[in-house]
Amino acid sequence: MRKLIFMALLIALAAPVAAMADGSAPTAASTANQTCKLALKNLGTTTFAQTYATNDAKANAFGKCVSSTLRSARAAVTNAATTCKKEQADPNFAAGHGGKTFDQLYGGNSSQGKGSSANAFGKCVSKAVSNSVNDQVKAVVSAAQSCKAARKSDAAGFATKYGTGHTAFAKCVAATKSTP
């Protein structure tokens, strides 16, 4: 049953992530999903579950990851859109980008018959959000590595500081990670 639910979740999440690939601007939900997929890939199943799960069985890790990253995903999309609007409106954009206009730099998908500018803004936002996602995942992976080392080198100190319950590792990661 768990495998069936997991497969349904993966199928539901595939569409928003695929939408980002075509140059359309990402949503906060698709960004949070992308962040968690990348975190799962980089942390591995066990460490990912230790970092995000809140129940004893650690079965709710992906959902908790998505809900905990949604706020930063919203901020990433908003910040990226603001930055791209400024870039798009900058009359001196080409001078700082090798002579390429905003549309030339970020567009280029004329296979849809709309020309290169049709998807330039979405691609700009998508690229900026992707960079933000990568930074967030690097921060979580670094924090998890530090917490693993701390737990291994001083188990008693780790337990004193973060507890011994099923959320102790997650508390350590949250306290250790730097926000990009």
N, C-alpha and C. Protein backbone atom coordinates (compact mmCIF):
# COMPACT_ATOMS: atom_id res chain seq x y z
N MET A 1 0.82 -1.19 0.00
CA MET A 1 0.00 0.00 0.00
C MET A 1 0.86 1.26 0.00
N ARG A 2 1.93 1.23 0.82
CA ARG A 2 2.83 2.38 0.87
C ARG A 2 3.47 2.67 -0.48
N LYS A 3 3.86 1.61 -1.17
CA LYS A 3 4.47 1.78 -2.49
C LYS A 3 3.48 2.42 -3.46
N LEU A 4 2.23 2.01 -3.39
CA LEU A 4 1.20 2.56 -4.26
C LEU A 4 1.00 4.06 -3.99
N ILE A 5 0.95 4.43 -2.71
CA ILE A 5 0.80 5.84 -2.34
C ILE A 5 2.02 6.62 -2.80
N PHE A 6 3.20 6.06 -2.59
CA PHE A 6 4.44 6.73 -3.00
C PHE A 6 4.47 6.94 -4.51
N MET A 7 4.07 5.94 -5.27
CA MET A 7 4.05 6.06 -6.73
C MET A 7 3.05 7.14 -7.18
N ALA A 8 1.89 7.18 -6.54
CA ALA A 8 0.90 8.20 -6.89
C ALA A 8 1.43 9.59 -6.59
N LEU A 9 2.14 9.72 -5.47
CA LEU A 9 2.74 11.00 -5.12
C LEU A 9 3.78 11.41 -6.14
N LEU A 10 4.61 10.47 -6.56
CA LEU A 10 5.63 10.79 -7.56
C LEU A 10 5.02 11.24 -8.88
N ILE A 11 3.97 10.58 -9.29
CA ILE A 11 3.30 10.95 -10.55
C ILE A 11 2.69 12.34 -10.42
N ALA A 12 2.09 12.63 -9.28
CA ALA A 12 1.48 13.95 -9.07
C ALA A 12 2.53 15.05 -9.04
N LEU A 13 3.71 14.73 -8.57
CA LEU A 13 4.77 15.74 -8.48
C LEU A 13 5.53 15.92 -9.78
N ALA A 14 5.45 14.97 -10.66
CA ALA A 14 6.22 15.04 -11.90
C ALA A 14 5.75 16.18 -12.80
N ALA A 15 4.47 16.45 -12.83
CA ALA A 15 3.94 17.49 -13.72
C ALA A 15 4.48 18.88 -13.39
N PRO A 16 4.45 19.31 -12.10
CA PRO A 16 4.97 20.65 -11.83
C PRO A 16 6.45 20.78 -12.14
N VAL A 17 7.23 19.76 -11.86
CA VAL A 17 8.66 19.82 -12.13
C VAL A 17 8.90 19.83 -13.64
N ALA A 18 8.15 19.06 -14.38
CA ALA A 18 8.28 19.05 -15.83
C ALA A 18 7.89 20.39 -16.42
N ALA A 19 6.93 21.06 -15.81
CA ALA A 19 6.50 22.37 -16.31
C ALA A 19 7.63 23.37 -16.24
N MET A 20 8.50 23.25 -15.25
CA MET A 20 9.62 24.16 -15.12
C MET A 20 10.60 24.00 -16.27
N ALA A 21 10.68 22.84 -16.83
CA ALA A 21 11.64 22.58 -17.90
C ALA A 21 11.27 23.25 -19.21
N ASP A 22 9.99 23.58 -19.40
CA ASP A 22 9.58 24.16 -20.68
C ASP A 22 9.68 25.68 -20.71
N GLY A 23 10.20 26.27 -19.66
CA GLY A 23 10.38 27.71 -19.65
C GLY A 23 9.26 28.47 -18.97
N SER A 24 8.21 27.78 -18.53
CA SER A 24 7.16 28.49 -17.81
C SER A 24 7.67 28.78 -16.39
N ALA A 25 7.19 29.85 -15.82
CA ALA A 25 7.64 30.23 -14.49
C ALA A 25 7.20 29.18 -13.47
N PRO A 26 8.08 28.80 -12.57
CA PRO A 26 7.74 27.78 -11.58
C PRO A 26 6.78 28.33 -10.51
N THR A 27 6.07 27.44 -9.88
CA THR A 27 5.21 27.80 -8.76
C THR A 27 5.92 27.47 -7.46
N ALA A 28 5.39 27.98 -6.36
CA ALA A 28 5.97 27.67 -5.05
C ALA A 28 5.87 26.17 -4.78
N ALA A 29 4.74 25.56 -5.14
CA ALA A 29 4.56 24.13 -4.89
C ALA A 29 5.56 23.30 -5.70
N SER A 30 5.73 23.64 -6.98
CA SER A 30 6.67 22.87 -7.80
C SER A 30 8.10 23.09 -7.31
N THR A 31 8.38 24.28 -6.80
CA THR A 31 9.72 24.57 -6.27
C THR A 31 9.98 23.78 -4.99
N ALA A 32 9.00 23.71 -4.11
CA ALA A 32 9.14 22.93 -2.88
C ALA A 32 9.33 21.45 -3.21
N ASN A 33 8.57 20.96 -4.18
CA ASN A 33 8.72 19.56 -4.60
C ASN A 33 10.10 19.30 -5.17
N GLN A 34 10.58 20.23 -5.99
CA GLN A 34 11.90 20.09 -6.59
C GLN A 34 12.98 20.09 -5.50
N THR A 35 12.83 20.98 -4.53
CA THR A 35 13.78 21.06 -3.42
C THR A 35 13.84 19.73 -2.67
N CYS A 36 12.69 19.18 -2.36
CA CYS A 36 12.64 17.93 -1.59
C CYS A 36 13.15 16.73 -2.40
N LYS A 37 12.85 16.70 -3.68
CA LYS A 37 13.38 15.61 -4.52
C LYS A 37 14.90 15.66 -4.55
N LEU A 38 15.44 16.85 -4.70
CA LEU A 38 16.88 17.01 -4.74
C LEU A 38 17.51 16.68 -3.38
N ALA A 39 16.84 17.10 -2.32
CA ALA A 39 17.33 16.79 -0.97
C ALA A 39 17.32 15.28 -0.74
N LEU A 40 16.26 14.61 -1.15
CA LEU A 40 16.17 13.16 -1.00
C LEU A 40 17.30 12.48 -1.77
N LYS A 41 17.55 12.94 -2.98
CA LYS A 41 18.62 12.37 -3.80
C LYS A 41 19.98 12.56 -3.14
N ASN A 42 20.24 13.77 -2.61
CA ASN A 42 21.54 14.07 -2.04
C ASN A 42 21.75 13.53 -0.64
N LEU A 43 20.69 13.44 0.14
CA LEU A 43 20.83 12.95 1.51
C LEU A 43 20.72 11.43 1.61
N GLY A 44 20.00 10.83 0.70
CA GLY A 44 19.71 9.40 0.82
C GLY A 44 18.45 9.22 1.65
N THR A 45 17.81 8.10 1.50
CA THR A 45 16.52 7.84 2.13
C THR A 45 16.57 7.94 3.65
N THR A 46 17.55 7.32 4.26
CA THR A 46 17.62 7.29 5.73
C THR A 46 17.85 8.68 6.31
N THR A 47 18.84 9.39 5.82
CA THR A 47 19.13 10.72 6.36
C THR A 47 18.00 11.69 6.04
N PHE A 48 17.40 11.56 4.86
CA PHE A 48 16.26 12.41 4.50
C PHE A 48 15.13 12.19 5.51
N ALA A 49 14.83 10.94 5.82
CA ALA A 49 13.77 10.63 6.78
C ALA A 49 14.11 11.17 8.16
N GLN A 50 15.36 11.04 8.58
CA GLN A 50 15.78 11.56 9.88
C GLN A 50 15.66 13.08 9.92
N THR A 51 15.88 13.72 8.81
CA THR A 51 15.86 15.18 8.74
C THR A 51 14.45 15.74 8.73
N TYR A 52 13.51 15.09 8.08
CA TYR A 52 12.19 15.69 7.89
C TYR A 52 11.03 14.97 8.57
N ALA A 53 11.11 13.67 8.79
CA ALA A 53 9.97 12.92 9.33
C ALA A 53 9.69 13.32 10.77
N THR A 54 8.41 13.32 11.12
CA THR A 54 8.03 13.67 12.48
C THR A 54 7.33 12.53 13.21
N ASN A 55 7.11 11.41 12.52
CA ASN A 55 6.49 10.28 13.21
C ASN A 55 7.52 9.17 13.41
N ASP A 56 7.22 8.26 14.30
CA ASP A 56 8.16 7.18 14.63
C ASP A 56 8.53 6.34 13.42
N ALA A 57 7.58 6.10 12.53
CA ALA A 57 7.83 5.26 11.36
C ALA A 57 8.59 6.01 10.26
N LYS A 58 8.73 7.31 10.41
CA LYS A 58 9.42 8.17 9.43
C LYS A 58 8.78 8.08 8.05
N ALA A 59 7.48 7.84 8.02
CA ALA A 59 6.77 7.67 6.75
C ALA A 59 6.27 8.99 6.17
N ASN A 60 6.36 10.07 6.92
CA ASN A 60 5.82 11.34 6.43
C ASN A 60 6.90 12.32 6.01
N ALA A 61 8.09 11.83 5.72
CA ALA A 61 9.23 12.71 5.45
C ALA A 61 9.03 13.62 4.24
N PHE A 62 8.58 13.08 3.12
CA PHE A 62 8.46 13.91 1.92
C PHE A 62 7.43 15.02 2.11
N GLY A 63 6.29 14.68 2.65
CA GLY A 63 5.25 15.68 2.89
C GLY A 63 5.71 16.75 3.86
N LYS A 64 6.41 16.36 4.90
CA LYS A 64 6.93 17.33 5.86
C LYS A 64 8.00 18.20 5.24
N CYS A 65 8.81 17.62 4.37
CA CYS A 65 9.82 18.40 3.65
C CYS A 65 9.14 19.47 2.80
N VAL A 66 8.14 19.07 2.03
CA VAL A 66 7.45 20.01 1.16
C VAL A 66 6.82 21.13 1.98
N SER A 67 6.13 20.76 3.06
CA SER A 67 5.46 21.80 3.85
C SER A 67 6.48 22.71 4.53
N SER A 68 7.62 22.17 4.93
CA SER A 68 8.62 23.01 5.60
C SER A 68 9.40 23.89 4.62
N THR A 69 9.44 23.54 3.36
CA THR A 69 10.17 24.34 2.38
C THR A 69 9.26 25.26 1.56
N LEU A 70 7.98 25.17 1.77
CA LEU A 70 7.04 25.96 0.98
C LEU A 70 7.23 27.46 1.16
N ARG A 71 7.49 27.90 2.37
CA ARG A 71 7.68 29.34 2.60
C ARG A 71 8.91 29.84 1.85
N SER A 72 10.01 29.11 1.95
CA SER A 72 11.22 29.55 1.24
C SER A 72 11.03 29.42 -0.27
N ALA A 73 10.22 28.46 -0.70
CA ALA A 73 9.93 28.32 -2.14
C ALA A 73 9.14 29.51 -2.65
N ARG A 74 8.17 29.96 -1.86
CA ARG A 74 7.40 31.15 -2.25
C ARG A 74 8.33 32.36 -2.39
N ALA A 75 9.21 32.50 -1.41
CA ALA A 75 10.16 33.62 -1.44
C ALA A 75 11.08 33.52 -2.64
N ALA A 76 11.54 32.31 -2.95
CA ALA A 76 12.45 32.12 -4.09
C ALA A 76 11.77 32.51 -5.40
N VAL A 77 10.52 32.10 -5.58
CA VAL A 77 9.79 32.42 -6.81
C VAL A 77 9.53 33.93 -6.89
N THR A 78 9.12 34.52 -5.79
CA THR A 78 8.85 35.96 -5.77
C THR A 78 10.12 36.76 -6.05
N ASN A 79 11.20 36.40 -5.37
CA ASN A 79 12.48 37.10 -5.57
C ASN A 79 12.98 36.94 -7.00
N ALA A 80 12.86 35.74 -7.54
CA ALA A 80 13.31 35.49 -8.91
C ALA A 80 12.49 36.31 -9.90
N ALA A 81 11.18 36.34 -9.71
CA ALA A 81 10.33 37.12 -10.62
C ALA A 81 10.67 38.60 -10.55
N THR A 82 10.91 39.10 -9.36
CA THR A 82 11.28 40.51 -9.19
C THR A 82 12.60 40.81 -9.89
N THR A 83 13.57 39.95 -9.68
CA THR A 83 14.88 40.13 -10.31
C THR A 83 14.76 40.08 -11.83
N CYS A 84 14.00 39.14 -12.34
CA CYS A 84 13.86 39.00 -13.79
C CYS A 84 13.11 40.19 -14.39
N LYS A 85 12.12 40.72 -13.68
CA LYS A 85 11.41 41.91 -14.18
C LYS A 85 12.37 43.09 -14.28
N LYS A 86 13.24 43.23 -13.27
CA LYS A 86 14.22 44.31 -13.31
C LYS A 86 15.20 44.11 -14.47
N GLU A 87 15.65 42.88 -14.66
CA GLU A 87 16.57 42.60 -15.76
C GLU A 87 15.89 42.87 -17.10
N GLN A 88 14.66 42.45 -17.23
CA GLN A 88 13.93 42.60 -18.48
C GLN A 88 13.71 44.09 -18.81
N ALA A 89 13.53 44.91 -17.80
CA ALA A 89 13.29 46.34 -18.00
C ALA A 89 14.57 47.17 -18.11
N ASP A 90 15.70 46.57 -17.80
CA ASP A 90 16.97 47.29 -17.80
C ASP A 90 17.41 47.63 -19.23
N PRO A 91 17.50 48.92 -19.57
CA PRO A 91 17.90 49.28 -20.93
C PRO A 91 19.38 48.95 -21.23
N ASN A 92 20.15 48.73 -20.19
CA ASN A 92 21.58 48.42 -20.37
C ASN A 92 21.87 46.93 -20.18
N PHE A 93 20.85 46.11 -20.24
CA PHE A 93 21.01 44.67 -20.00
C PHE A 93 22.04 44.06 -20.95
N ALA A 94 21.94 44.36 -22.22
CA ALA A 94 22.82 43.77 -23.23
C ALA A 94 24.28 44.11 -22.98
N ALA A 95 24.55 45.30 -22.48
CA ALA A 95 25.93 45.72 -22.23
C ALA A 95 26.60 44.84 -21.18
N GLY A 96 25.85 44.36 -20.24
CA GLY A 96 26.41 43.51 -19.19
C GLY A 96 26.30 42.02 -19.45
N HIS A 97 25.78 41.65 -20.61
CA HIS A 97 25.56 40.23 -20.92
C HIS A 97 26.05 39.87 -22.31
N GLY A 98 27.23 40.33 -22.64
CA GLY A 98 27.86 39.96 -23.91
C GLY A 98 27.10 40.44 -25.13
N GLY A 99 26.36 41.53 -25.02
CA GLY A 99 25.63 42.05 -26.17
C GLY A 99 24.29 41.39 -26.41
N LYS A 100 23.91 40.43 -25.57
CA LYS A 100 22.63 39.74 -25.75
C LYS A 100 21.53 40.47 -24.99
N THR A 101 20.39 40.57 -25.64
CA THR A 101 19.22 41.13 -24.98
C THR A 101 18.68 40.11 -23.99
N PHE A 102 17.75 40.54 -23.17
CA PHE A 102 17.10 39.64 -22.21
C PHE A 102 16.49 38.45 -22.94
N ASP A 103 15.75 38.74 -24.01
CA ASP A 103 15.09 37.68 -24.78
C ASP A 103 16.10 36.72 -25.42
N GLN A 104 17.21 37.26 -25.90
CA GLN A 104 18.22 36.40 -26.51
C GLN A 104 18.91 35.53 -25.47
N LEU A 105 19.16 36.09 -24.30
CA LEU A 105 19.86 35.34 -23.26
C LEU A 105 18.99 34.23 -22.68
N TYR A 106 17.75 34.54 -22.37
CA TYR A 106 16.90 33.57 -21.69
C TYR A 106 15.92 32.85 -22.60
N GLY A 107 15.59 33.42 -23.75
CA GLY A 107 14.62 32.80 -24.65
C GLY A 107 15.25 31.71 -25.48
N GLY A 108 14.81 31.59 -26.69
CA GLY A 108 15.44 30.64 -27.59
C GLY A 108 14.60 29.45 -27.95
N ASN A 109 13.41 29.33 -27.39
CA ASN A 109 12.57 28.18 -27.72
C ASN A 109 11.55 28.59 -28.78
N SER A 110 12.04 28.73 -30.00
CA SER A 110 11.15 29.16 -31.08
C SER A 110 10.42 27.99 -31.73
N SER A 111 10.60 26.80 -31.21
CA SER A 111 9.93 25.63 -31.78
C SER A 111 8.42 25.70 -31.56
N GLN A 112 7.98 26.57 -30.65
CA GLN A 112 6.55 26.70 -30.40
C GLN A 112 5.92 27.73 -31.33
N GLY A 113 6.72 28.32 -32.22
CA GLY A 113 6.21 29.27 -33.18
C GLY A 113 5.95 30.65 -32.60
N LYS A 114 6.43 30.91 -31.40
CA LYS A 114 6.18 32.20 -30.76
C LYS A 114 7.43 33.07 -30.70
N GLY A 115 8.55 32.57 -31.19
CA GLY A 115 9.78 33.34 -31.13
C GLY A 115 10.49 33.16 -29.80
N SER A 116 11.68 33.69 -29.72
CA SER A 116 12.50 33.48 -28.53
C SER A 116 11.99 34.23 -27.31
N SER A 117 11.25 35.29 -27.49
CA SER A 117 10.80 36.07 -26.33
C SER A 117 9.61 35.45 -25.62
N ALA A 118 8.95 34.49 -26.22
CA ALA A 118 7.74 33.92 -25.66
C ALA A 118 7.97 33.26 -24.30
N ASN A 119 9.13 32.74 -24.08
CA ASN A 119 9.37 32.04 -22.83
C ASN A 119 10.58 32.58 -22.07
N ALA A 120 11.10 33.71 -22.46
CA ALA A 120 12.31 34.25 -21.83
C ALA A 120 12.10 34.55 -20.35
N PHE A 121 10.99 35.18 -20.01
CA PHE A 121 10.75 35.52 -18.61
C PHE A 121 10.64 34.26 -17.75
N GLY A 122 9.88 33.29 -18.21
CA GLY A 122 9.72 32.03 -17.46
C GLY A 122 11.05 31.31 -17.28
N LYS A 123 11.87 31.32 -18.32
CA LYS A 123 13.18 30.68 -18.21
C LYS A 123 14.09 31.42 -17.25
N CYS A 124 14.02 32.74 -17.25
CA CYS A 124 14.81 33.53 -16.31
C CYS A 124 14.41 33.18 -14.88
N VAL A 125 13.12 33.18 -14.61
CA VAL A 125 12.63 32.85 -13.26
C VAL A 125 13.01 31.42 -12.90
N SER A 126 12.83 30.51 -13.82
CA SER A 126 13.15 29.11 -13.58
C SER A 126 14.62 28.92 -13.24
N LYS A 127 15.48 29.61 -13.96
CA LYS A 127 16.92 29.51 -13.70
C LYS A 127 17.27 30.05 -12.32
N ALA A 128 16.71 31.20 -11.97
CA ALA A 128 16.98 31.80 -10.66
C ALA A 128 16.45 30.92 -9.53
N VAL A 129 15.27 30.35 -9.71
CA VAL A 129 14.68 29.48 -8.70
C VAL A 129 15.52 28.20 -8.57
N SER A 130 15.96 27.67 -9.68
CA SER A 130 16.80 26.47 -9.65
C SER A 130 18.09 26.72 -8.86
N ASN A 131 18.68 27.89 -9.04
CA ASN A 131 19.88 28.24 -8.27
C ASN A 131 19.57 28.32 -6.78
N SER A 132 18.41 28.87 -6.45
CA SER A 132 17.98 28.97 -5.06
C SER A 132 17.76 27.58 -4.45
N VAL A 133 17.11 26.71 -5.21
CA VAL A 133 16.88 25.34 -4.76
C VAL A 133 18.21 24.64 -4.47
N ASN A 134 19.15 24.78 -5.39
CA ASN A 134 20.46 24.15 -5.20
C ASN A 134 21.14 24.67 -3.93
N ASP A 135 21.06 25.98 -3.68
CA ASP A 135 21.66 26.56 -2.49
C ASP A 135 21.00 26.02 -1.22
N GLN A 136 19.66 25.91 -1.24
CA GLN A 136 18.94 25.40 -0.08
C GLN A 136 19.32 23.95 0.22
N VAL A 137 19.41 23.15 -0.82
CA VAL A 137 19.75 21.74 -0.62
C VAL A 137 21.19 21.60 -0.13
N LYS A 138 22.10 22.40 -0.66
CA LYS A 138 23.49 22.36 -0.18
C LYS A 138 23.55 22.68 1.31
N ALA A 139 22.76 23.65 1.76
CA ALA A 139 22.74 24.02 3.17
C ALA A 139 22.22 22.87 4.03
N VAL A 140 21.19 22.19 3.58
CA VAL A 140 20.63 21.06 4.34
C VAL A 140 21.62 19.89 4.37
N VAL A 141 22.22 19.59 3.23
CA VAL A 141 23.19 18.49 3.16
C VAL A 141 24.39 18.78 4.07
N SER A 142 24.88 19.99 4.04
CA SER A 142 26.01 20.37 4.89
C SER A 142 25.64 20.25 6.37
N ALA A 143 24.45 20.72 6.73
CA ALA A 143 23.99 20.63 8.11
C ALA A 143 23.84 19.17 8.54
N ALA A 144 23.28 18.35 7.67
CA ALA A 144 23.11 16.92 7.99
C ALA A 144 24.45 16.24 8.20
N GLN A 145 25.42 16.58 7.37
CA GLN A 145 26.76 16.00 7.54
C GLN A 145 27.37 16.43 8.87
N SER A 146 27.19 17.69 9.23
CA SER A 146 27.70 18.18 10.52
C SER A 146 27.01 17.47 11.67
N CYS A 147 25.71 17.27 11.56
CA CYS A 147 24.96 16.60 12.63
C CYS A 147 25.35 15.13 12.76
N LYS A 148 25.57 14.48 11.63
CA LYS A 148 26.03 13.08 11.68
C LYS A 148 27.37 13.00 12.40
N ALA A 149 28.28 13.91 12.06
CA ALA A 149 29.60 13.92 12.69
C ALA A 149 29.50 14.23 14.18
N ALA A 150 28.65 15.18 14.53
CA ALA A 150 28.47 15.54 15.94
C ALA A 150 27.88 14.38 16.73
N ARG A 151 26.91 13.70 16.16
CA ARG A 151 26.27 12.56 16.84
C ARG A 151 27.27 11.42 17.01
N LYS A 152 28.10 11.22 16.00
CA LYS A 152 29.08 10.14 16.06
C LYS A 152 30.20 10.44 17.05
N SER A 153 30.69 11.67 17.05
CA SER A 153 31.83 12.01 17.90
C SER A 153 31.46 12.20 19.36
N ASP A 154 30.24 12.63 19.65
CA ASP A 154 29.83 12.88 21.03
C ASP A 154 28.34 12.58 21.18
N ALA A 155 28.01 11.32 21.25
CA ALA A 155 26.60 10.91 21.32
C ALA A 155 25.91 11.49 22.55
N ALA A 156 26.59 11.51 23.68
CA ALA A 156 25.99 12.04 24.90
C ALA A 156 25.74 13.54 24.77
N GLY A 157 26.69 14.27 24.24
CA GLY A 157 26.52 15.71 24.04
C GLY A 157 25.42 16.01 23.04
N PHE A 158 25.36 15.21 21.99
CA PHE A 158 24.31 15.37 20.98
C PHE A 158 22.95 15.16 21.63
N ALA A 159 22.82 14.10 22.44
CA ALA A 159 21.56 13.78 23.10
C ALA A 159 21.16 14.88 24.09
N THR A 160 22.14 15.43 24.78
CA THR A 160 21.85 16.50 25.73
C THR A 160 21.33 17.74 25.00
N LYS A 161 21.95 18.05 23.90
CA LYS A 161 21.59 19.26 23.16
C LYS A 161 20.30 19.12 22.35
N TYR A 162 20.11 17.96 21.70
CA TYR A 162 18.99 17.80 20.78
C TYR A 162 17.96 16.76 21.22
N GLY A 163 18.25 16.01 22.25
CA GLY A 163 17.34 14.99 22.73
C GLY A 163 17.66 13.63 22.13
N THR A 164 16.83 12.67 22.48
CA THR A 164 17.04 11.30 21.99
C THR A 164 15.84 10.79 21.19
N GLY A 165 14.83 11.60 21.05
CA GLY A 165 13.62 11.20 20.34
C GLY A 165 13.83 11.12 18.84
N HIS A 166 12.77 10.76 18.15
CA HIS A 166 12.84 10.56 16.70
C HIS A 166 13.02 11.88 15.93
N THR A 167 12.91 13.02 16.60
CA THR A 167 13.11 14.30 15.92
C THR A 167 14.44 14.96 16.29
N ALA A 168 15.28 14.27 17.05
CA ALA A 168 16.55 14.86 17.50
C ALA A 168 17.44 15.27 16.33
N PHE A 169 17.57 14.41 15.35
CA PHE A 169 18.43 14.71 14.20
C PHE A 169 17.87 15.92 13.44
N ALA A 170 16.56 15.96 13.25
CA ALA A 170 15.93 17.08 12.56
C ALA A 170 16.16 18.39 13.30
N LYS A 171 16.11 18.35 14.63
CA LYS A 171 16.37 19.55 15.43
C LYS A 171 17.81 20.03 15.19
N CYS A 172 18.73 19.10 15.14
CA CYS A 172 20.13 19.45 14.88
C CYS A 172 20.28 20.09 13.51
N VAL A 173 19.68 19.49 12.49
CA VAL A 173 19.79 20.03 11.13
C VAL A 173 19.19 21.43 11.07
N ALA A 174 18.03 21.61 11.66
CA ALA A 174 17.38 22.93 11.64
C ALA A 174 18.23 23.97 12.35
N ALA A 175 18.87 23.59 13.44
CA ALA A 175 19.70 24.54 14.19
C ALA A 175 21.03 24.80 13.49
N THR A 176 21.51 23.85 12.72
CA THR A 176 22.84 23.94 12.12
C THR A 176 22.84 24.59 10.74
N LYS A 177 21.78 24.38 9.97
CA LYS A 177 21.81 24.87 8.58
C LYS A 177 21.80 26.39 8.51
N SER A 178 22.56 26.86 7.55
CA SER A 178 22.57 28.30 7.29
C SER A 178 21.55 28.58 6.20
N THR A 179 20.80 29.63 6.36
CA THR A 179 19.80 29.98 5.37
C THR A 179 20.44 30.76 4.24
N PRO A 180 20.32 30.23 3.00
CA PRO A 180 20.95 30.94 1.87
C PRO A 180 20.24 32.23 1.55
